[in-house]
mmCIF file of all heavy atoms, coordinates in Angstrom:
data_MODEL
# 
_entry.id   MODEL 
# 
loop_
_atom_site.group_PDB 
_atom_site.id 
_atom_site.type_symbol 
_atom_site.label_atom_id 
_atom_site.label_alt_id 
_atom_site.label_comp_id 
_atom_site.label_asym_id 
_atom_site.label_entity_id 
_atom_site.label_seq_id 
_atom_site.pdbx_PDB_ins_code 
_atom_site.Cartn_x 
_atom_site.Cartn_y 
_atom_site.Cartn_z 
_atom_site.occupancy 
_atom_site.B_iso_or_equiv 
_atom_site.pdbx_formal_charge 
_atom_site.auth_seq_id 
_atom_site.auth_comp_id 
_atom_site.auth_asym_id 
_atom_site.auth_atom_id 
_atom_site.pdbx_PDB_model_num 
ATOM 1   N N   . GLY A 1 1  ? 33.275  -8.528  -48.941 1.00 0.00 ? 1  GLY A N   1 
ATOM 2   C CA  . GLY A 1 1  ? 33.129  -9.960  -49.089 1.00 0.00 ? 1  GLY A CA  1 
ATOM 3   C C   . GLY A 1 1  ? 34.422  -10.720 -48.942 1.00 0.00 ? 1  GLY A C   1 
ATOM 4   O O   . GLY A 1 1  ? 34.508  -11.885 -49.318 1.00 0.00 ? 1  GLY A O   1 
ATOM 5   N N   . GLU A 1 2  ? 35.498  -10.037 -48.406 1.00 0.00 ? 2  GLU A N   1 
ATOM 6   C CA  . GLU A 1 2  ? 36.782  -10.689 -48.234 1.00 0.00 ? 2  GLU A CA  1 
ATOM 7   C C   . GLU A 1 2  ? 36.887  -11.260 -46.831 1.00 0.00 ? 2  GLU A C   1 
ATOM 8   O O   . GLU A 1 2  ? 36.251  -10.780 -45.903 1.00 0.00 ? 2  GLU A O   1 
ATOM 9   C CB  . GLU A 1 2  ? 37.918  -9.678  -48.466 1.00 0.00 ? 2  GLU A CB  1 
ATOM 10  C CG  . GLU A 1 2  ? 37.888  -9.056  -49.872 1.00 0.00 ? 2  GLU A CG  1 
ATOM 11  C CD  . GLU A 1 2  ? 38.968  -8.012  -50.013 1.00 0.00 ? 2  GLU A CD  1 
ATOM 12  O OE1 . GLU A 1 2  ? 39.737  -7.830  -49.038 1.00 0.00 ? 2  GLU A OE1 1 
ATOM 13  O OE2 . GLU A 1 2  ? 39.054  -7.382  -51.077 1.00 0.00 ? 2  GLU A OE2 1 
ATOM 14  N N   . PRO A 1 3  ? 37.679  -12.282 -46.635 1.00 0.00 ? 3  PRO A N   1 
ATOM 15  C CA  . PRO A 1 3  ? 37.860  -12.846 -45.291 1.00 0.00 ? 3  PRO A CA  1 
ATOM 16  C C   . PRO A 1 3  ? 38.599  -11.886 -44.395 1.00 0.00 ? 3  PRO A C   1 
ATOM 17  O O   . PRO A 1 3  ? 39.431  -11.099 -44.852 1.00 0.00 ? 3  PRO A O   1 
ATOM 18  C CB  . PRO A 1 3  ? 38.658  -14.129 -45.554 1.00 0.00 ? 3  PRO A CB  1 
ATOM 19  C CG  . PRO A 1 3  ? 39.370  -13.866 -46.839 1.00 0.00 ? 3  PRO A CG  1 
ATOM 20  C CD  . PRO A 1 3  ? 38.456  -13.010 -47.666 1.00 0.00 ? 3  PRO A CD  1 
ATOM 21  N N   . LEU A 1 4  ? 38.280  -11.910 -43.124 1.00 0.00 ? 4  LEU A N   1 
ATOM 22  C CA  . LEU A 1 4  ? 38.969  -11.104 -42.138 1.00 0.00 ? 4  LEU A CA  1 
ATOM 23  C C   . LEU A 1 4  ? 40.368  -11.662 -41.913 1.00 0.00 ? 4  LEU A C   1 
ATOM 24  O O   . LEU A 1 4  ? 40.647  -12.837 -42.197 1.00 0.00 ? 4  LEU A O   1 
ATOM 25  C CB  . LEU A 1 4  ? 38.181  -11.092 -40.826 1.00 0.00 ? 4  LEU A CB  1 
ATOM 26  C CG  . LEU A 1 4  ? 36.798  -10.447 -40.897 1.00 0.00 ? 4  LEU A CG  1 
ATOM 27  C CD1 . LEU A 1 4  ? 36.086  -10.622 -39.573 1.00 0.00 ? 4  LEU A CD1 1 
ATOM 28  C CD2 . LEU A 1 4  ? 36.916  -8.990  -41.252 1.00 0.00 ? 4  LEU A CD2 1 
ATOM 29  N N   . PRO A 1 5  ? 41.312  -10.828 -41.407 1.00 0.00 ? 5  PRO A N   1 
ATOM 30  C CA  . PRO A 1 5  ? 42.675  -11.332 -41.148 1.00 0.00 ? 5  PRO A CA  1 
ATOM 31  C C   . PRO A 1 5  ? 42.635  -12.527 -40.207 1.00 0.00 ? 5  PRO A C   1 
ATOM 32  O O   . PRO A 1 5  ? 41.970  -12.518 -39.184 1.00 0.00 ? 5  PRO A O   1 
ATOM 33  C CB  . PRO A 1 5  ? 43.369  -10.127 -40.502 1.00 0.00 ? 5  PRO A CB  1 
ATOM 34  C CG  . PRO A 1 5  ? 42.617  -8.949  -40.978 1.00 0.00 ? 5  PRO A CG  1 
ATOM 35  C CD  . PRO A 1 5  ? 41.197  -9.401  -41.121 1.00 0.00 ? 5  PRO A CD  1 
ATOM 36  N N   . GLY A 1 6  ? 43.357  -13.549 -40.578 1.00 0.00 ? 6  GLY A N   1 
ATOM 37  C CA  . GLY A 1 6  ? 43.438  -14.745 -39.752 1.00 0.00 ? 6  GLY A CA  1 
ATOM 38  C C   . GLY A 1 6  ? 42.369  -15.763 -40.057 1.00 0.00 ? 6  GLY A C   1 
ATOM 39  O O   . GLY A 1 6  ? 42.354  -16.843 -39.490 1.00 0.00 ? 6  GLY A O   1 
ATOM 40  N N   . GLU A 1 7  ? 41.409  -15.423 -40.970 1.00 0.00 ? 7  GLU A N   1 
ATOM 41  C CA  . GLU A 1 7  ? 40.372  -16.372 -41.320 1.00 0.00 ? 7  GLU A CA  1 
ATOM 42  C C   . GLU A 1 7  ? 40.701  -17.016 -42.648 1.00 0.00 ? 7  GLU A C   1 
ATOM 43  O O   . GLU A 1 7  ? 41.398  -16.426 -43.487 1.00 0.00 ? 7  GLU A O   1 
ATOM 44  C CB  . GLU A 1 7  ? 39.009  -15.676 -41.433 1.00 0.00 ? 7  GLU A CB  1 
ATOM 45  C CG  . GLU A 1 7  ? 38.493  -15.147 -40.114 1.00 0.00 ? 7  GLU A CG  1 
ATOM 46  C CD  . GLU A 1 7  ? 37.076  -14.637 -40.270 1.00 0.00 ? 7  GLU A CD  1 
ATOM 47  O OE1 . GLU A 1 7  ? 36.592  -14.635 -41.413 1.00 0.00 ? 7  GLU A OE1 1 
ATOM 48  O OE2 . GLU A 1 7  ? 36.484  -14.262 -39.250 1.00 0.00 ? 7  GLU A OE2 1 
ATOM 49  N N   . PRO A 1 8  ? 40.183  -18.218 -42.892 1.00 0.00 ? 8  PRO A N   1 
ATOM 50  C CA  . PRO A 1 8  ? 40.432  -18.854 -44.183 1.00 0.00 ? 8  PRO A CA  1 
ATOM 51  C C   . PRO A 1 8  ? 39.770  -18.068 -45.305 1.00 0.00 ? 8  PRO A C   1 
ATOM 52  O O   . PRO A 1 8  ? 38.796  -17.357 -45.101 1.00 0.00 ? 8  PRO A O   1 
ATOM 53  C CB  . PRO A 1 8  ? 39.794  -20.241 -44.019 1.00 0.00 ? 8  PRO A CB  1 
ATOM 54  C CG  . PRO A 1 8  ? 38.825  -20.095 -42.903 1.00 0.00 ? 8  PRO A CG  1 
ATOM 55  C CD  . PRO A 1 8  ? 39.417  -19.064 -41.989 1.00 0.00 ? 8  PRO A CD  1 
ATOM 56  N N   . ALA A 1 9  ? 40.338  -18.214 -46.500 1.00 0.00 ? 9  ALA A N   1 
ATOM 57  C CA  . ALA A 1 9  ? 39.856  -17.429 -47.635 1.00 0.00 ? 9  ALA A CA  1 
ATOM 58  C C   . ALA A 1 9  ? 38.414  -17.788 -47.979 1.00 0.00 ? 9  ALA A C   1 
ATOM 59  O O   . ALA A 1 9  ? 37.611  -16.941 -48.306 1.00 0.00 ? 9  ALA A O   1 
ATOM 60  C CB  . ALA A 1 9  ? 40.764  -17.652 -48.852 1.00 0.00 ? 9  ALA A CB  1 
ATOM 61  N N   . ALA A 1 10 ? 38.063  -19.046 -47.895 1.00 0.00 ? 10 ALA A N   1 
ATOM 62  C CA  . ALA A 1 10 ? 36.709  -19.481 -48.245 1.00 0.00 ? 10 ALA A CA  1 
ATOM 63  C C   . ALA A 1 10 ? 35.851  -19.525 -47.000 1.00 0.00 ? 10 ALA A C   1 
ATOM 64  O O   . ALA A 1 10 ? 35.455  -20.576 -46.520 1.00 0.00 ? 10 ALA A O   1 
ATOM 65  C CB  . ALA A 1 10 ? 36.754  -20.850 -48.915 1.00 0.00 ? 10 ALA A CB  1 
ATOM 66  N N   . ARG A 1 11 ? 35.593  -18.347 -46.424 1.00 0.00 ? 11 ARG A N   1 
ATOM 67  C CA  . ARG A 1 11 ? 34.779  -18.289 -45.209 1.00 0.00 ? 11 ARG A CA  1 
ATOM 68  C C   . ARG A 1 11 ? 33.305  -18.414 -45.593 1.00 0.00 ? 11 ARG A C   1 
ATOM 69  O O   . ARG A 1 11 ? 32.813  -17.699 -46.451 1.00 0.00 ? 11 ARG A O   1 
ATOM 70  C CB  . ARG A 1 11 ? 35.012  -16.951 -44.499 1.00 0.00 ? 11 ARG A CB  1 
ATOM 71  C CG  . ARG A 1 11 ? 34.206  -16.774 -43.233 1.00 0.00 ? 11 ARG A CG  1 
ATOM 72  C CD  . ARG A 1 11 ? 34.785  -15.634 -42.418 1.00 0.00 ? 11 ARG A CD  1 
ATOM 73  N NE  . ARG A 1 11 ? 34.813  -14.406 -43.188 1.00 0.00 ? 11 ARG A NE  1 
ATOM 74  C CZ  . ARG A 1 11 ? 33.848  -13.489 -43.149 1.00 0.00 ? 11 ARG A CZ  1 
ATOM 75  N NH1 . ARG A 1 11 ? 32.797  -13.686 -42.413 1.00 0.00 ? 11 ARG A NH1 1 
ATOM 76  N NH2 . ARG A 1 11 ? 33.951  -12.378 -43.860 1.00 0.00 ? 11 ARG A NH2 1 
ATOM 77  N N   . GLU A 1 12 ? 32.611  -19.326 -44.917 1.00 0.00 ? 12 GLU A N   1 
ATOM 78  C CA  . GLU A 1 12 ? 31.207  -19.538 -45.219 1.00 0.00 ? 12 GLU A CA  1 
ATOM 79  C C   . GLU A 1 12 ? 30.380  -18.387 -44.673 1.00 0.00 ? 12 GLU A C   1 
ATOM 80  O O   . GLU A 1 12 ? 30.609  -17.890 -43.586 1.00 0.00 ? 12 GLU A O   1 
ATOM 81  C CB  . GLU A 1 12 ? 30.721  -20.853 -44.605 1.00 0.00 ? 12 GLU A CB  1 
ATOM 82  C CG  . GLU A 1 12 ? 31.386  -22.069 -45.218 1.00 0.00 ? 12 GLU A CG  1 
ATOM 83  C CD  . GLU A 1 12 ? 30.805  -23.334 -44.649 1.00 0.00 ? 12 GLU A CD  1 
ATOM 84  O OE1 . GLU A 1 12 ? 29.914  -23.225 -43.773 1.00 0.00 ? 12 GLU A OE1 1 
ATOM 85  O OE2 . GLU A 1 12 ? 31.229  -24.418 -45.076 1.00 0.00 ? 12 GLU A OE2 1 
ATOM 86  N N   . LYS A 1 13 ? 29.401  -17.983 -45.449 1.00 0.00 ? 13 LYS A N   1 
ATOM 87  C CA  . LYS A 1 13 ? 28.525  -16.880 -45.067 1.00 0.00 ? 13 LYS A CA  1 
ATOM 88  C C   . LYS A 1 13 ? 27.444  -17.397 -44.126 1.00 0.00 ? 13 LYS A C   1 
ATOM 89  O O   . LYS A 1 13 ? 26.804  -18.399 -44.396 1.00 0.00 ? 13 LYS A O   1 
ATOM 90  C CB  . LYS A 1 13 ? 27.890  -16.285 -46.321 1.00 0.00 ? 13 LYS A CB  1 
ATOM 91  C CG  . LYS A 1 13 ? 27.274  -14.911 -46.084 1.00 0.00 ? 13 LYS A CG  1 
ATOM 92  C CD  . LYS A 1 13 ? 26.840  -14.326 -47.398 1.00 0.00 ? 13 LYS A CD  1 
ATOM 93  C CE  . LYS A 1 13 ? 26.302  -12.921 -47.208 1.00 0.00 ? 13 LYS A CE  1 
ATOM 94  N NZ  . LYS A 1 13 ? 25.868  -12.313 -48.472 1.00 0.00 ? 13 LYS A NZ  1 
ATOM 95  N N   . ALA A 1 14 ? 27.243  -16.693 -42.993 1.00 0.00 ? 14 ALA A N   1 
ATOM 96  C CA  . ALA A 1 14 ? 26.250  -17.124 -42.013 1.00 0.00 ? 14 ALA A CA  1 
ATOM 97  C C   . ALA A 1 14 ? 24.854  -16.958 -42.594 1.00 0.00 ? 14 ALA A C   1 
ATOM 98  O O   . ALA A 1 14 ? 24.571  -15.978 -43.278 1.00 0.00 ? 14 ALA A O   1 
ATOM 99  C CB  . ALA A 1 14 ? 26.372  -16.307 -40.728 1.00 0.00 ? 14 ALA A CB  1 
ATOM 100 N N   . PRO A 1 15 ? 23.972  -17.891 -42.355 1.00 0.00 ? 15 PRO A N   1 
ATOM 101 C CA  . PRO A 1 15 ? 22.608  -17.760 -42.898 1.00 0.00 ? 15 PRO A CA  1 
ATOM 102 C C   . PRO A 1 15 ? 21.871  -16.605 -42.256 1.00 0.00 ? 15 PRO A C   1 
ATOM 103 O O   . PRO A 1 15 ? 21.977  -16.368 -41.062 1.00 0.00 ? 15 PRO A O   1 
ATOM 104 C CB  . PRO A 1 15 ? 21.964  -19.112 -42.542 1.00 0.00 ? 15 PRO A CB  1 
ATOM 105 C CG  . PRO A 1 15 ? 22.748  -19.605 -41.365 1.00 0.00 ? 15 PRO A CG  1 
ATOM 106 C CD  . PRO A 1 15 ? 24.150  -19.106 -41.567 1.00 0.00 ? 15 PRO A CD  1 
ATOM 107 N N   . ALA A 1 16 ? 21.118  -15.850 -43.074 1.00 0.00 ? 16 ALA A N   1 
ATOM 108 C CA  . ALA A 1 16 ? 20.375  -14.692 -42.559 1.00 0.00 ? 16 ALA A CA  1 
ATOM 109 C C   . ALA A 1 16 ? 19.161  -15.174 -41.775 1.00 0.00 ? 16 ALA A C   1 
ATOM 110 O O   . ALA A 1 16 ? 18.545  -16.182 -42.099 1.00 0.00 ? 16 ALA A O   1 
ATOM 111 C CB  . ALA A 1 16 ? 19.929  -13.801 -43.717 1.00 0.00 ? 16 ALA A CB  1 
ATOM 112 N N   . LEU A 1 17 ? 18.818  -14.416 -40.703 1.00 0.00 ? 17 LEU A N   1 
ATOM 113 C CA  . LEU A 1 17 ? 17.655  -14.760 -39.896 1.00 0.00 ? 17 LEU A CA  1 
ATOM 114 C C   . LEU A 1 17 ? 16.391  -14.467 -40.679 1.00 0.00 ? 17 LEU A C   1 
ATOM 115 O O   . LEU A 1 17 ? 16.252  -13.406 -41.288 1.00 0.00 ? 17 LEU A O   1 
ATOM 116 C CB  . LEU A 1 17 ? 17.666  -13.965 -38.589 1.00 0.00 ? 17 LEU A CB  1 
ATOM 117 C CG  . LEU A 1 17 ? 18.812  -14.288 -37.631 1.00 0.00 ? 17 LEU A CG  1 
ATOM 118 C CD1 . LEU A 1 17 ? 18.738  -13.376 -36.420 1.00 0.00 ? 17 LEU A CD1 1 
ATOM 119 C CD2 . LEU A 1 17 ? 18.769  -15.740 -37.195 1.00 0.00 ? 17 LEU A CD2 1 
ATOM 120 N N   . GLU A 1 18 ? 15.480  -15.361 -40.655 1.00 0.00 ? 18 GLU A N   1 
ATOM 121 C CA  . GLU A 1 18 ? 14.223  -15.188 -41.380 1.00 0.00 ? 18 GLU A CA  1 
ATOM 122 C C   . GLU A 1 18 ? 13.245  -14.404 -40.528 1.00 0.00 ? 18 GLU A C   1 
ATOM 123 O O   . GLU A 1 18 ? 12.937  -14.786 -39.410 1.00 0.00 ? 18 GLU A O   1 
ATOM 124 C CB  . GLU A 1 18 ? 13.634  -16.555 -41.718 1.00 0.00 ? 18 GLU A CB  1 
ATOM 125 C CG  . GLU A 1 18 ? 12.374  -16.458 -42.580 1.00 0.00 ? 18 GLU A CG  1 
ATOM 126 C CD  . GLU A 1 18 ? 11.854  -17.822 -42.953 1.00 0.00 ? 18 GLU A CD  1 
ATOM 127 O OE1 . GLU A 1 18 ? 12.577  -18.815 -42.672 1.00 0.00 ? 18 GLU A OE1 1 
ATOM 128 O OE2 . GLU A 1 18 ? 10.750  -17.898 -43.514 1.00 0.00 ? 18 GLU A OE2 1 
ATOM 129 N N   . LYS A 1 19 ? 12.791  -13.274 -41.068 1.00 0.00 ? 19 LYS A N   1 
ATOM 130 C CA  . LYS A 1 19 ? 11.873  -12.414 -40.326 1.00 0.00 ? 19 LYS A CA  1 
ATOM 131 C C   . LYS A 1 19 ? 10.461  -12.994 -40.364 1.00 0.00 ? 19 LYS A C   1 
ATOM 132 O O   . LYS A 1 19 ? 10.027  -13.559 -41.368 1.00 0.00 ? 19 LYS A O   1 
ATOM 133 C CB  . LYS A 1 19 ? 11.859  -11.000 -40.915 1.00 0.00 ? 19 LYS A CB  1 
ATOM 134 C CG  . LYS A 1 19 ? 13.195  -10.275 -40.771 1.00 0.00 ? 19 LYS A CG  1 
ATOM 135 C CD  . LYS A 1 19 ? 13.093  -8.870  -41.318 1.00 0.00 ? 19 LYS A CD  1 
ATOM 136 C CE  . LYS A 1 19 ? 14.397  -8.122  -41.159 1.00 0.00 ? 19 LYS A CE  1 
ATOM 137 N NZ  . LYS A 1 19 ? 14.315  -6.755  -41.691 1.00 0.00 ? 19 LYS A NZ  1 
ATOM 138 N N   . ALA A 1 20 ? 9.771   -12.817 -39.240 1.00 0.00 ? 20 ALA A N   1 
ATOM 139 C CA  . ALA A 1 20 ? 8.388   -13.276 -39.186 1.00 0.00 ? 20 ALA A CA  1 
ATOM 140 C C   . ALA A 1 20 ? 7.520   -12.355 -40.019 1.00 0.00 ? 20 ALA A C   1 
ATOM 141 O O   . ALA A 1 20 ? 7.771   -11.160 -40.110 1.00 0.00 ? 20 ALA A O   1 
ATOM 142 C CB  . ALA A 1 20 ? 7.892   -13.306 -37.741 1.00 0.00 ? 20 ALA A CB  1 
ATOM 143 N N   . PRO A 1 21 ? 6.510   -12.867 -40.687 1.00 0.00 ? 21 PRO A N   1 
ATOM 144 C CA  . PRO A 1 21 ? 5.642   -12.011 -41.495 1.00 0.00 ? 21 PRO A CA  1 
ATOM 145 C C   . PRO A 1 21 ? 4.896   -11.028 -40.611 1.00 0.00 ? 21 PRO A C   1 
ATOM 146 O O   . PRO A 1 21 ? 4.579   -11.320 -39.467 1.00 0.00 ? 21 PRO A O   1 
ATOM 147 C CB  . PRO A 1 21 ? 4.677   -13.009 -42.155 1.00 0.00 ? 21 PRO A CB  1 
ATOM 148 C CG  . PRO A 1 21 ? 4.707   -14.203 -41.264 1.00 0.00 ? 21 PRO A CG  1 
ATOM 149 C CD  . PRO A 1 21 ? 6.096   -14.257 -40.690 1.00 0.00 ? 21 PRO A CD  1 
ATOM 150 N N   . PRO A 1 22 ? 4.661   -9.797  -41.099 1.00 0.00 ? 22 PRO A N   1 
ATOM 151 C CA  . PRO A 1 22 ? 3.948   -8.812  -40.279 1.00 0.00 ? 22 PRO A CA  1 
ATOM 152 C C   . PRO A 1 22 ? 2.533   -9.247  -39.986 1.00 0.00 ? 22 PRO A C   1 
ATOM 153 O O   . PRO A 1 22 ? 1.887   -9.932  -40.778 1.00 0.00 ? 22 PRO A O   1 
ATOM 154 C CB  . PRO A 1 22 ? 3.973   -7.546  -41.162 1.00 0.00 ? 22 PRO A CB  1 
ATOM 155 C CG  . PRO A 1 22 ? 4.135   -8.064  -42.560 1.00 0.00 ? 22 PRO A CG  1 
ATOM 156 C CD  . PRO A 1 22 ? 4.966   -9.307  -42.441 1.00 0.00 ? 22 PRO A CD  1 
ATOM 157 N N   . ILE A 1 23 ? 2.072   -8.841  -38.798 1.00 0.00 ? 23 ILE A N   1 
ATOM 158 C CA  . ILE A 1 23 ? 0.712   -9.165  -38.394 1.00 0.00 ? 23 ILE A CA  1 
ATOM 159 C C   . ILE A 1 23 ? -0.235  -8.160  -39.015 1.00 0.00 ? 23 ILE A C   1 
ATOM 160 O O   . ILE A 1 23 ? -0.047  -6.953  -38.888 1.00 0.00 ? 23 ILE A O   1 
ATOM 161 C CB  . ILE A 1 23 ? 0.578   -9.153  -36.863 1.00 0.00 ? 23 ILE A CB  1 
ATOM 162 C CG1 . ILE A 1 23 ? 1.516   -10.206 -36.261 1.00 0.00 ? 23 ILE A CG1 1 
ATOM 163 C CG2 . ILE A 1 23 ? -0.853  -9.402  -36.430 1.00 0.00 ? 23 ILE A CG2 1 
ATOM 164 C CD1 . ILE A 1 23 ? 1.555   -10.191 -34.760 1.00 0.00 ? 23 ILE A CD1 1 
ATOM 165 N N   . THR A 1 24 ? -1.201  -8.634  -39.718 1.00 0.00 ? 24 THR A N   1 
ATOM 166 C CA  . THR A 1 24 ? -2.168  -7.756  -40.364 1.00 0.00 ? 24 THR A CA  1 
ATOM 167 C C   . THR A 1 24 ? -3.550  -8.010  -39.788 1.00 0.00 ? 24 THR A C   1 
ATOM 168 O O   . THR A 1 24 ? -3.874  -9.107  -39.362 1.00 0.00 ? 24 THR A O   1 
ATOM 169 C CB  . THR A 1 24 ? -2.190  -8.006  -41.888 1.00 0.00 ? 24 THR A CB  1 
ATOM 170 O OG1 . THR A 1 24 ? -2.518  -9.387  -42.122 1.00 0.00 ? 24 THR A OG1 1 
ATOM 171 C CG2 . THR A 1 24 ? -0.837  -7.700  -42.513 1.00 0.00 ? 24 THR A CG2 1 
ATOM 172 N N   . ARG A 1 25 ? -4.330  -6.964  -39.787 1.00 0.00 ? 25 ARG A N   1 
ATOM 173 C CA  . ARG A 1 25 ? -5.699  -7.058  -39.298 1.00 0.00 ? 25 ARG A CA  1 
ATOM 174 C C   . ARG A 1 25 ? -6.642  -6.714  -40.434 1.00 0.00 ? 25 ARG A C   1 
ATOM 175 O O   . ARG A 1 25 ? -6.340  -5.916  -41.303 1.00 0.00 ? 25 ARG A O   1 
ATOM 176 C CB  . ARG A 1 25 ? -5.935  -6.084  -38.134 1.00 0.00 ? 25 ARG A CB  1 
ATOM 177 C CG  . ARG A 1 25 ? -5.046  -6.342  -36.946 1.00 0.00 ? 25 ARG A CG  1 
ATOM 178 C CD  . ARG A 1 25 ? -5.444  -5.418  -35.810 1.00 0.00 ? 25 ARG A CD  1 
ATOM 179 N NE  . ARG A 1 25 ? -6.782  -5.687  -35.374 1.00 0.00 ? 25 ARG A NE  1 
ATOM 180 C CZ  . ARG A 1 25 ? -7.080  -6.586  -34.424 1.00 0.00 ? 25 ARG A CZ  1 
ATOM 181 N NH1 . ARG A 1 25 ? -6.138  -7.293  -33.857 1.00 0.00 ? 25 ARG A NH1 1 
ATOM 182 N NH2 . ARG A 1 25 ? -8.319  -6.780  -34.055 1.00 0.00 ? 25 ARG A NH2 1 
ATOM 183 N N   . LYS A 1 26 ? -7.802  -7.311  -40.414 1.00 0.00 ? 26 LYS A N   1 
ATOM 184 C CA  . LYS A 1 26 ? -8.797  -6.991  -41.408 1.00 0.00 ? 26 LYS A CA  1 
ATOM 185 C C   . LYS A 1 26 ? -9.354  -5.598  -41.141 1.00 0.00 ? 26 LYS A C   1 
ATOM 186 O O   . LYS A 1 26 ? -9.510  -5.193  -39.999 1.00 0.00 ? 26 LYS A O   1 
ATOM 187 C CB  . LYS A 1 26 ? -9.940  -8.021  -41.377 1.00 0.00 ? 26 LYS A CB  1 
ATOM 188 C CG  . LYS A 1 26 ? -9.489  -9.428  -41.754 1.00 0.00 ? 26 LYS A CG  1 
ATOM 189 C CD  . LYS A 1 26 ? -10.648 -10.393 -41.690 1.00 0.00 ? 26 LYS A CD  1 
ATOM 190 C CE  . LYS A 1 26 ? -10.201 -11.807 -42.046 1.00 0.00 ? 26 LYS A CE  1 
ATOM 191 N NZ  . LYS A 1 26 ? -11.319 -12.775 -41.967 1.00 0.00 ? 26 LYS A NZ  1 
ATOM 192 N N   . PRO A 1 27 ? -9.651  -4.840  -42.187 1.00 0.00 ? 27 PRO A N   1 
ATOM 193 C CA  . PRO A 1 27 ? -10.167 -3.489  -41.975 1.00 0.00 ? 27 PRO A CA  1 
ATOM 194 C C   . PRO A 1 27 ? -11.541 -3.522  -41.347 1.00 0.00 ? 27 PRO A C   1 
ATOM 195 O O   . PRO A 1 27 ? -12.374 -4.359  -41.677 1.00 0.00 ? 27 PRO A O   1 
ATOM 196 C CB  . PRO A 1 27 ? -10.220 -2.914  -43.396 1.00 0.00 ? 27 PRO A CB  1 
ATOM 197 C CG  . PRO A 1 27 ? -10.330 -4.116  -44.281 1.00 0.00 ? 27 PRO A CG  1 
ATOM 198 C CD  . PRO A 1 27 ? -9.550  -5.195  -43.588 1.00 0.00 ? 27 PRO A CD  1 
ATOM 199 N N   . VAL A 1 28 ? -11.758 -2.609  -40.410 1.00 0.00 ? 28 VAL A N   1 
ATOM 200 C CA  . VAL A 1 28 ? -13.063 -2.473  -39.777 1.00 0.00 ? 28 VAL A CA  1 
ATOM 201 C C   . VAL A 1 28 ? -13.501 -1.038  -39.905 1.00 0.00 ? 28 VAL A C   1 
ATOM 202 O O   . VAL A 1 28 ? -12.681 -0.131  -39.969 1.00 0.00 ? 28 VAL A O   1 
ATOM 203 C CB  . VAL A 1 28 ? -13.015 -2.886  -38.292 1.00 0.00 ? 28 VAL A CB  1 
ATOM 204 C CG1 . VAL A 1 28 ? -12.695 -4.358  -38.161 1.00 0.00 ? 28 VAL A CG1 1 
ATOM 205 C CG2 . VAL A 1 28 ? -12.004 -2.059  -37.516 1.00 0.00 ? 28 VAL A CG2 1 
ATOM 206 N N   . GLY A 1 29 ? -14.821 -0.830  -39.919 1.00 0.00 ? 29 GLY A N   1 
ATOM 207 C CA  . GLY A 1 29 ? -15.344 0.512   -40.051 1.00 0.00 ? 29 GLY A CA  1 
ATOM 208 C C   . GLY A 1 29 ? -15.035 1.066   -41.426 1.00 0.00 ? 29 GLY A C   1 
ATOM 209 O O   . GLY A 1 29 ? -14.575 0.384   -42.324 1.00 0.00 ? 29 GLY A O   1 
# 
């Protein structure tokens, strides 16, 4: 969680990509 060399100390954390919900099917048979 430390800044990389040459970066400012208070480096903002990139927002995580939101995963799409899994596709579900209704049970058949």
